[in-house]
């Protein structure tokens, strides 16, 4: 099963459509907030999506929690957990909901790490990246024994691949 994860597109519906176009057969698409588009915008159709600090529409949920086969996924923007300073508060919430994968944004900094058997993934930003020049998103492959994360540029070039063992 593969999941495309993006965040912080700040009003650019074209980049959402462009990245989705790279993966027409992807199983799930997640937007971690700050799309700055209306909830019902066609670029967001069919996505798991949450509200970021720049999203004004109340239709966006603060969190999405869903199952993919036997994996619980927790999606939030991150601003409510102060992720620019630490992911500790976010990790408490992840444990509270029993998440195995956490997708979040807000900092615009691409990163993936396993902590206490939970994968924390920030896909960076497809508009205004921080910490690197490349605009980014991620593709997560979930299988029986591992989570594989491909960190991608907005031109669909792989910058790095990480594989984390599942518990």
N, C-alpha and C. Protein backbone atom coordinates (compact mmCIF):
# COMPACT_ATOMS: atom_id res chain seq x y z
N UNK A 1 0.84 -1.16 0.00
CA UNK A 1 0.00 0.00 0.00
C UNK A 1 0.89 1.23 0.00
N UNK A 2 0.54 2.21 -0.83
CA UNK A 2 1.33 3.44 -0.91
C UNK A 2 0.47 4.66 -0.59
N UNK A 3 1.10 5.60 0.10
CA UNK A 3 0.43 6.82 0.53
C UNK A 3 1.29 8.02 0.13
N UNK A 4 0.69 8.98 -0.54
CA UNK A 4 1.36 10.23 -0.90
C UNK A 4 1.04 11.25 0.18
N UNK A 5 2.06 11.92 0.72
CA UNK A 5 1.87 12.86 1.82
C UNK A 5 2.46 14.21 1.42
N UNK A 6 1.65 15.27 1.55
CA UNK A 6 2.10 16.63 1.24
C UNK A 6 1.57 17.58 2.30
N UNK A 7 2.13 18.79 2.31
CA UNK A 7 1.70 19.78 3.29
C UNK A 7 2.09 21.17 2.82
N UNK A 8 1.49 22.16 3.45
CA UNK A 8 1.91 23.55 3.31
C UNK A 8 2.06 23.99 1.86
N UNK A 9 0.96 23.86 1.11
CA UNK A 9 0.95 24.29 -0.29
C UNK A 9 0.46 25.73 -0.43
N UNK A 10 -0.07 26.30 0.61
CA UNK A 10 -0.42 27.72 0.72
C UNK A 10 -1.04 28.32 -0.54
N UNK A 11 -2.18 27.76 -0.92
CA UNK A 11 -2.97 28.33 -2.00
C UNK A 11 -2.63 27.86 -3.40
N UNK A 12 -1.59 27.07 -3.55
CA UNK A 12 -1.17 26.62 -4.88
C UNK A 12 -1.84 25.29 -5.24
N UNK A 13 -3.02 25.37 -5.83
CA UNK A 13 -3.74 24.16 -6.21
C UNK A 13 -3.04 23.42 -7.34
N UNK A 14 -2.32 24.16 -8.17
CA UNK A 14 -1.64 23.53 -9.31
C UNK A 14 -0.56 22.54 -8.86
N UNK A 15 0.17 22.87 -7.81
CA UNK A 15 1.22 21.95 -7.34
C UNK A 15 0.60 20.69 -6.73
N UNK A 16 -0.55 20.83 -6.11
CA UNK A 16 -1.25 19.65 -5.58
C UNK A 16 -1.64 18.73 -6.73
N UNK A 17 -2.22 19.31 -7.76
CA UNK A 17 -2.64 18.52 -8.92
C UNK A 17 -1.44 17.92 -9.65
N UNK A 18 -0.36 18.68 -9.74
CA UNK A 18 0.87 18.19 -10.39
C UNK A 18 1.41 16.95 -9.68
N UNK A 19 1.55 17.05 -8.36
CA UNK A 19 2.10 15.94 -7.58
C UNK A 19 1.16 14.74 -7.61
N UNK A 20 -0.13 14.98 -7.50
CA UNK A 20 -1.10 13.87 -7.61
C UNK A 20 -0.99 13.19 -8.97
N UNK A 21 -0.70 13.98 -10.00
CA UNK A 21 -0.56 13.44 -11.35
C UNK A 21 0.61 12.49 -11.52
N UNK A 22 1.62 12.62 -10.67
CA UNK A 22 2.76 11.69 -10.72
C UNK A 22 2.35 10.28 -10.29
N UNK A 23 1.30 10.17 -9.48
CA UNK A 23 0.91 8.89 -8.88
C UNK A 23 -0.59 8.63 -9.05
N UNK A 24 -1.04 8.43 -10.28
CA UNK A 24 -2.49 8.24 -10.49
C UNK A 24 -3.05 6.99 -9.82
N UNK A 25 -2.22 6.01 -9.54
CA UNK A 25 -2.69 4.75 -8.94
C UNK A 25 -2.41 4.67 -7.44
N UNK A 26 -2.02 5.78 -6.82
CA UNK A 26 -1.69 5.77 -5.39
C UNK A 26 -2.94 5.41 -4.57
N UNK A 27 -2.75 4.75 -3.45
CA UNK A 27 -3.88 4.29 -2.64
C UNK A 27 -4.52 5.41 -1.83
N UNK A 28 -3.69 6.25 -1.21
CA UNK A 28 -4.20 7.32 -0.34
C UNK A 28 -3.35 8.57 -0.56
N UNK A 29 -4.02 9.74 -0.56
CA UNK A 29 -3.31 11.02 -0.61
C UNK A 29 -3.69 11.79 0.65
N UNK A 30 -2.66 12.31 1.33
CA UNK A 30 -2.84 13.05 2.58
C UNK A 30 -2.30 14.46 2.41
N UNK A 31 -3.06 15.45 2.88
CA UNK A 31 -2.58 16.83 2.94
C UNK A 31 -2.59 17.23 4.41
N UNK A 32 -1.42 17.60 4.93
CA UNK A 32 -1.25 17.88 6.35
C UNK A 32 -1.56 19.33 6.73
N UNK A 33 -2.32 20.03 5.93
CA UNK A 33 -2.78 21.36 6.30
C UNK A 33 -2.04 22.51 5.67
N UNK A 34 -2.64 23.69 5.83
CA UNK A 34 -2.21 24.92 5.18
C UNK A 34 -2.27 24.81 3.65
N UNK A 35 -3.36 24.21 3.18
CA UNK A 35 -3.62 24.24 1.74
C UNK A 35 -4.07 25.64 1.35
N UNK A 36 -4.73 26.33 2.27
CA UNK A 36 -5.33 27.65 2.04
C UNK A 36 -6.31 27.62 0.87
N UNK A 37 -6.94 26.48 0.68
CA UNK A 37 -7.98 26.32 -0.33
C UNK A 37 -9.29 26.00 0.37
N UNK A 38 -10.42 26.24 -0.30
CA UNK A 38 -11.69 25.81 0.30
C UNK A 38 -11.70 24.29 0.49
N UNK A 39 -12.37 23.84 1.53
CA UNK A 39 -12.44 22.41 1.84
C UNK A 39 -12.91 21.60 0.63
N UNK A 40 -13.85 22.15 -0.12
CA UNK A 40 -14.43 21.43 -1.26
C UNK A 40 -13.70 21.68 -2.58
N UNK A 41 -12.55 22.32 -2.56
CA UNK A 41 -11.80 22.59 -3.79
C UNK A 41 -11.48 21.29 -4.51
N UNK A 42 -11.59 21.29 -5.83
CA UNK A 42 -11.38 20.06 -6.60
C UNK A 42 -9.98 19.48 -6.43
N UNK A 43 -8.97 20.30 -6.17
CA UNK A 43 -7.61 19.78 -5.97
C UNK A 43 -7.51 18.94 -4.71
N UNK A 44 -8.42 19.16 -3.76
CA UNK A 44 -8.41 18.43 -2.49
C UNK A 44 -9.40 17.27 -2.47
N UNK A 45 -10.10 17.08 -3.57
CA UNK A 45 -11.12 16.03 -3.63
C UNK A 45 -10.50 14.65 -3.40
N UNK A 46 -11.10 13.90 -2.49
CA UNK A 46 -10.65 12.54 -2.21
C UNK A 46 -9.45 12.44 -1.29
N UNK A 47 -8.90 13.57 -0.84
CA UNK A 47 -7.74 13.56 0.05
C UNK A 47 -8.18 13.43 1.50
N UNK A 48 -7.31 12.83 2.32
CA UNK A 48 -7.41 12.96 3.76
C UNK A 48 -6.75 14.30 4.05
N UNK A 49 -7.47 15.22 4.67
CA UNK A 49 -6.96 16.58 4.83
C UNK A 49 -7.33 17.14 6.19
N UNK A 50 -6.45 17.99 6.70
CA UNK A 50 -6.66 18.61 8.01
C UNK A 50 -6.46 20.11 7.91
N UNK A 51 -6.87 20.78 8.96
CA UNK A 51 -6.79 22.24 9.03
C UNK A 51 -5.42 22.67 9.57
N UNK A 52 -4.81 23.59 8.86
CA UNK A 52 -3.58 24.20 9.34
C UNK A 52 -3.86 25.57 9.93
N UNK A 53 -2.85 26.20 10.49
CA UNK A 53 -3.04 27.51 11.10
C UNK A 53 -3.42 28.59 10.10
N UNK A 54 -3.17 28.38 8.81
CA UNK A 54 -3.54 29.36 7.78
C UNK A 54 -4.85 29.01 7.08
N UNK A 55 -5.44 27.88 7.41
CA UNK A 55 -6.72 27.48 6.82
C UNK A 55 -7.85 28.06 7.65
N UNK A 56 -8.69 28.85 7.03
CA UNK A 56 -9.75 29.55 7.76
C UNK A 56 -11.05 28.75 7.84
N UNK A 57 -11.27 27.87 6.89
CA UNK A 57 -12.54 27.16 6.81
C UNK A 57 -12.65 26.11 7.91
N UNK A 58 -13.74 26.17 8.67
CA UNK A 58 -13.95 25.27 9.80
C UNK A 58 -14.29 23.84 9.38
N UNK A 59 -14.58 23.62 8.10
CA UNK A 59 -14.92 22.27 7.62
C UNK A 59 -13.73 21.32 7.74
N UNK A 60 -12.52 21.86 7.72
CA UNK A 60 -11.33 21.01 7.88
C UNK A 60 -11.25 20.51 9.32
N UNK A 61 -11.06 19.22 9.53
CA UNK A 61 -10.86 18.73 10.90
C UNK A 61 -9.44 19.07 11.38
N UNK A 62 -9.28 19.18 12.68
CA UNK A 62 -7.95 19.41 13.25
C UNK A 62 -7.09 18.15 13.14
N UNK A 63 -7.75 16.99 13.15
CA UNK A 63 -7.05 15.70 13.08
C UNK A 63 -7.82 14.75 12.19
N UNK A 64 -7.10 13.85 11.57
CA UNK A 64 -7.69 12.69 10.87
C UNK A 64 -6.99 11.46 11.43
N UNK A 65 -7.77 10.48 11.82
CA UNK A 65 -7.22 9.21 12.30
C UNK A 65 -7.92 8.12 11.51
N UNK A 66 -7.14 7.29 10.85
CA UNK A 66 -7.73 6.25 10.02
C UNK A 66 -6.82 5.04 9.96
N UNK A 67 -7.41 3.94 9.56
CA UNK A 67 -6.68 2.67 9.44
C UNK A 67 -6.38 2.38 7.98
N UNK A 68 -5.19 1.89 7.72
CA UNK A 68 -4.82 1.34 6.42
C UNK A 68 -4.35 -0.07 6.71
N UNK A 69 -5.18 -1.02 6.35
CA UNK A 69 -4.96 -2.42 6.71
C UNK A 69 -4.81 -2.50 8.23
N UNK A 70 -3.66 -2.85 8.75
CA UNK A 70 -3.49 -2.98 10.20
C UNK A 70 -2.69 -1.82 10.80
N UNK A 71 -2.58 -0.71 10.08
CA UNK A 71 -1.77 0.43 10.52
C UNK A 71 -2.68 1.63 10.80
N UNK A 72 -2.55 2.17 12.02
CA UNK A 72 -3.31 3.37 12.37
C UNK A 72 -2.48 4.60 12.03
N UNK A 73 -3.09 5.52 11.28
CA UNK A 73 -2.40 6.72 10.82
C UNK A 73 -3.09 7.94 11.43
N UNK A 74 -2.28 8.83 11.96
CA UNK A 74 -2.74 10.06 12.60
C UNK A 74 -2.20 11.23 11.80
N UNK A 75 -3.09 12.12 11.35
CA UNK A 75 -2.70 13.29 10.56
C UNK A 75 -3.14 14.54 11.29
N UNK A 76 -2.24 15.49 11.42
CA UNK A 76 -2.54 16.79 12.00
C UNK A 76 -1.57 17.79 11.38
N UNK A 77 -1.87 19.07 11.51
CA UNK A 77 -0.94 20.05 10.93
C UNK A 77 0.31 20.19 11.79
N UNK A 78 0.12 20.25 13.09
CA UNK A 78 1.27 20.33 13.99
C UNK A 78 1.33 21.59 14.82
N UNK A 79 0.67 22.66 14.37
CA UNK A 79 0.74 23.92 15.11
C UNK A 79 0.14 23.81 16.51
N UNK A 80 -0.86 22.97 16.68
CA UNK A 80 -1.48 22.80 18.00
C UNK A 80 -0.59 22.01 18.96
N UNK A 81 0.46 21.40 18.42
CA UNK A 81 1.41 20.61 19.22
C UNK A 81 2.79 21.26 19.28
N UNK A 82 2.89 22.49 18.77
CA UNK A 82 4.13 23.27 18.85
C UNK A 82 5.32 22.52 18.23
N UNK A 83 5.10 21.91 17.06
CA UNK A 83 6.12 21.06 16.44
C UNK A 83 7.35 21.81 15.95
N UNK A 84 7.29 23.12 15.89
CA UNK A 84 8.49 23.87 15.49
C UNK A 84 9.56 23.81 16.57
N UNK A 85 9.14 23.52 17.80
CA UNK A 85 10.09 23.43 18.91
C UNK A 85 10.44 22.00 19.28
N UNK A 86 9.45 21.10 19.23
CA UNK A 86 9.66 19.72 19.64
C UNK A 86 8.47 18.88 19.17
N UNK A 87 8.71 17.59 18.94
CA UNK A 87 7.57 16.72 18.61
C UNK A 87 7.10 15.93 19.84
N UNK A 88 7.55 16.32 21.02
CA UNK A 88 7.18 15.60 22.24
C UNK A 88 5.67 15.61 22.48
N UNK A 89 5.03 16.78 22.41
CA UNK A 89 3.57 16.85 22.60
C UNK A 89 2.85 16.04 21.53
N UNK A 90 3.34 16.10 20.31
CA UNK A 90 2.76 15.32 19.22
C UNK A 90 2.90 13.82 19.50
N UNK A 91 4.03 13.44 20.07
CA UNK A 91 4.23 12.01 20.37
C UNK A 91 3.27 11.53 21.45
N UNK A 92 2.96 12.40 22.42
CA UNK A 92 1.98 12.03 23.45
C UNK A 92 0.62 11.76 22.83
N UNK A 93 0.21 12.64 21.92
CA UNK A 93 -1.09 12.46 21.25
C UNK A 93 -1.07 11.20 20.38
N UNK A 94 0.03 10.97 19.69
CA UNK A 94 0.16 9.77 18.85
C UNK A 94 -0.02 8.51 19.68
N UNK A 95 0.62 8.49 20.85
CA UNK A 95 0.48 7.32 21.73
C UNK A 95 -0.95 7.20 22.26
N UNK A 96 -1.55 8.34 22.57
CA UNK A 96 -2.92 8.35 23.08
C UNK A 96 -3.90 7.72 22.09
N UNK A 97 -3.71 8.00 20.80
CA UNK A 97 -4.63 7.46 19.78
C UNK A 97 -4.16 6.12 19.22
N UNK A 98 -2.98 5.67 19.63
CA UNK A 98 -2.46 4.38 19.17
C UNK A 98 -1.93 4.40 17.75
N UNK A 99 -1.42 5.55 17.32
CA UNK A 99 -0.93 5.69 15.95
C UNK A 99 0.40 4.97 15.75
N UNK A 100 0.57 4.44 14.55
CA UNK A 100 1.85 3.85 14.13
C UNK A 100 2.58 4.75 13.14
N UNK A 101 1.80 5.61 12.47
CA UNK A 101 2.38 6.62 11.58
C UNK A 101 1.71 7.95 11.90
N UNK A 102 2.53 9.01 12.04
CA UNK A 102 2.04 10.36 12.25
C UNK A 102 2.52 11.22 11.09
N UNK A 103 1.58 11.86 10.40
CA UNK A 103 1.90 12.78 9.31
C UNK A 103 1.55 14.19 9.78
N UNK A 104 2.50 15.11 9.66
CA UNK A 104 2.27 16.47 10.12
C UNK A 104 3.09 17.44 9.27
N UNK A 105 2.78 18.72 9.40
CA UNK A 105 3.48 19.75 8.63
C UNK A 105 3.89 20.90 9.54
N UNK A 106 3.51 22.11 9.14
CA UNK A 106 3.69 23.35 9.87
C UNK A 106 5.10 23.93 9.82
N UNK A 107 6.11 23.14 10.06
CA UNK A 107 7.48 23.69 10.10
C UNK A 107 8.08 23.88 8.72
N UNK A 108 7.50 23.26 7.70
CA UNK A 108 8.01 23.28 6.32
C UNK A 108 9.35 22.56 6.21
N UNK A 109 9.71 21.77 7.20
CA UNK A 109 11.00 21.07 7.21
C UNK A 109 10.76 19.58 6.98
N UNK A 110 11.33 19.07 5.90
CA UNK A 110 11.21 17.66 5.54
C UNK A 110 11.94 16.79 6.56
N UNK A 111 11.28 15.73 7.01
CA UNK A 111 11.96 14.82 7.92
C UNK A 111 11.14 13.58 8.20
N UNK A 112 11.82 12.50 8.51
CA UNK A 112 11.17 11.24 8.89
C UNK A 112 12.03 10.58 9.96
N UNK A 113 11.39 10.17 11.03
CA UNK A 113 12.11 9.46 12.09
C UNK A 113 11.18 8.52 12.83
N UNK A 114 11.77 7.46 13.33
CA UNK A 114 11.04 6.49 14.13
C UNK A 114 11.35 6.77 15.59
N UNK A 115 10.30 6.91 16.40
CA UNK A 115 10.49 7.16 17.82
C UNK A 115 9.45 6.34 18.58
N UNK A 116 9.90 5.50 19.47
CA UNK A 116 9.00 4.64 20.25
C UNK A 116 8.07 3.83 19.34
N UNK A 117 8.63 3.29 18.27
CA UNK A 117 7.90 2.45 17.31
C UNK A 117 6.81 3.20 16.54
N UNK A 118 6.91 4.52 16.48
CA UNK A 118 5.98 5.35 15.71
C UNK A 118 6.79 6.11 14.67
N UNK A 119 6.33 6.07 13.41
CA UNK A 119 6.97 6.85 12.35
C UNK A 119 6.38 8.25 12.35
N UNK A 120 7.23 9.25 12.52
CA UNK A 120 6.84 10.65 12.43
C UNK A 120 7.35 11.18 11.10
N UNK A 121 6.43 11.70 10.29
CA UNK A 121 6.78 12.16 8.95
C UNK A 121 6.28 13.56 8.71
N UNK A 122 7.20 14.45 8.38
CA UNK A 122 6.86 15.79 7.91
C UNK A 122 7.33 15.85 6.46
N UNK A 123 6.40 16.01 5.50
CA UNK A 123 6.79 16.01 4.09
C UNK A 123 7.43 17.30 3.61
N UNK A 124 7.60 18.27 4.50
CA UNK A 124 8.14 19.55 4.08
C UNK A 124 7.05 20.40 3.44
N UNK A 125 7.45 21.29 2.56
CA UNK A 125 6.49 22.18 1.89
C UNK A 125 6.67 22.12 0.39
N UNK A 126 5.56 22.15 -0.32
CA UNK A 126 5.60 22.21 -1.78
C UNK A 126 5.59 23.65 -2.29
N UNK A 127 5.68 24.62 -1.37
CA UNK A 127 5.71 26.02 -1.80
C UNK A 127 6.89 26.78 -1.20
N UNK A 128 7.07 26.68 0.11
CA UNK A 128 8.10 27.46 0.81
C UNK A 128 8.89 26.56 1.75
N UNK A 129 9.83 25.77 1.21
CA UNK A 129 10.59 24.87 2.08
C UNK A 129 11.52 25.62 3.02
N UNK A 130 11.80 24.99 4.16
CA UNK A 130 12.78 25.52 5.10
C UNK A 130 13.82 24.44 5.34
N UNK A 131 15.05 24.84 5.54
CA UNK A 131 16.11 23.89 5.84
C UNK A 131 16.76 23.28 4.61
N UNK A 132 16.15 23.48 3.46
CA UNK A 132 16.70 23.01 2.18
C UNK A 132 16.00 23.82 1.09
N UNK A 133 16.59 23.81 -0.09
CA UNK A 133 16.00 24.61 -1.18
C UNK A 133 14.89 23.87 -1.92
N UNK A 134 14.90 22.52 -1.86
CA UNK A 134 13.95 21.74 -2.65
C UNK A 134 12.56 21.75 -2.02
N UNK A 135 11.57 22.01 -2.85
CA UNK A 135 10.18 21.84 -2.45
C UNK A 135 9.94 20.33 -2.38
N UNK A 136 9.14 19.88 -1.41
CA UNK A 136 9.12 18.43 -1.19
C UNK A 136 7.75 17.88 -0.81
N UNK A 137 7.66 16.56 -0.99
CA UNK A 137 6.55 15.74 -0.52
C UNK A 137 7.13 14.37 -0.24
N UNK A 138 6.31 13.44 0.23
CA UNK A 138 6.81 12.10 0.55
C UNK A 138 5.85 11.04 0.03
N UNK A 139 6.42 9.88 -0.25
CA UNK A 139 5.63 8.70 -0.60
C UNK A 139 6.00 7.61 0.40
N UNK A 140 4.99 7.08 1.07
CA UNK A 140 5.20 6.06 2.09
C UNK A 140 4.66 4.73 1.57
N UNK A 141 5.51 3.72 1.62
CA UNK A 141 5.07 2.37 1.27
C UNK A 141 4.97 1.57 2.56
N UNK A 142 3.78 1.04 2.80
CA UNK A 142 3.52 0.26 4.01
C UNK A 142 3.45 -1.20 3.62
N UNK A 143 4.30 -2.01 4.25
CA UNK A 143 4.19 -3.45 4.04
C UNK A 143 4.21 -4.16 5.39
N UNK A 144 4.23 -5.45 5.38
CA UNK A 144 4.08 -6.24 6.62
C UNK A 144 5.21 -6.03 7.61
N UNK A 145 6.41 -5.70 7.14
CA UNK A 145 7.56 -5.62 8.04
C UNK A 145 8.19 -4.24 8.15
N UNK A 146 7.82 -3.31 7.26
CA UNK A 146 8.50 -2.02 7.28
C UNK A 146 7.66 -0.89 6.70
N UNK A 147 8.13 0.33 6.99
CA UNK A 147 7.62 1.54 6.35
C UNK A 147 8.78 2.10 5.53
N UNK A 148 8.57 2.28 4.25
CA UNK A 148 9.59 2.87 3.38
C UNK A 148 9.13 4.27 3.02
N UNK A 149 10.00 5.27 3.23
CA UNK A 149 9.67 6.66 2.94
C UNK A 149 10.60 7.17 1.85
N UNK A 150 10.01 7.61 0.75
CA UNK A 150 10.75 8.28 -0.32
C UNK A 150 10.48 9.77 -0.19
N UNK A 151 11.55 10.55 -0.02
CA UNK A 151 11.45 12.00 0.06
C UNK A 151 11.67 12.55 -1.35
N UNK A 152 10.65 13.23 -1.87
CA UNK A 152 10.62 13.61 -3.28
C UNK A 152 10.62 15.12 -3.46
N UNK A 153 11.20 15.57 -4.58
CA UNK A 153 11.10 16.98 -4.96
C UNK A 153 9.79 17.21 -5.70
N UNK A 154 9.46 18.46 -5.90
CA UNK A 154 8.23 18.78 -6.64
C UNK A 154 8.31 18.39 -8.11
N UNK A 155 9.49 17.98 -8.57
CA UNK A 155 9.66 17.45 -9.93
C UNK A 155 9.74 15.93 -9.93
N UNK A 156 9.36 15.32 -8.81
CA UNK A 156 9.30 13.86 -8.65
C UNK A 156 10.67 13.19 -8.70
N UNK A 157 11.69 13.88 -8.22
CA UNK A 157 13.02 13.30 -8.09
C UNK A 157 13.22 12.86 -6.64
N UNK A 158 13.72 11.66 -6.46
CA UNK A 158 13.92 11.14 -5.11
C UNK A 158 15.20 11.73 -4.51
N UNK A 159 15.07 12.39 -3.36
CA UNK A 159 16.22 12.97 -2.66
C UNK A 159 16.81 11.98 -1.68
N UNK A 160 15.95 11.17 -1.08
CA UNK A 160 16.41 10.21 -0.06
C UNK A 160 15.33 9.16 0.15
N UNK A 161 15.77 7.98 0.54
CA UNK A 161 14.85 6.89 0.89
C UNK A 161 15.25 6.35 2.25
N UNK A 162 14.26 6.18 3.11
CA UNK A 162 14.47 5.65 4.44
C UNK A 162 13.55 4.45 4.64
N UNK A 163 14.08 3.41 5.26
CA UNK A 163 13.26 2.25 5.58
C UNK A 163 13.32 2.02 7.08
N UNK A 164 12.15 1.91 7.68
CA UNK A 164 12.02 1.73 9.12
C UNK A 164 11.32 0.41 9.39
N UNK A 165 11.88 -0.39 10.29
CA UNK A 165 11.25 -1.66 10.66
C UNK A 165 9.99 -1.40 11.47
N UNK A 166 8.95 -2.17 11.19
CA UNK A 166 7.70 -2.10 11.95
C UNK A 166 7.76 -3.02 13.15
N UNK A 167 7.04 -2.68 14.17
CA UNK A 167 6.89 -3.54 15.35
C UNK A 167 5.57 -4.28 15.27
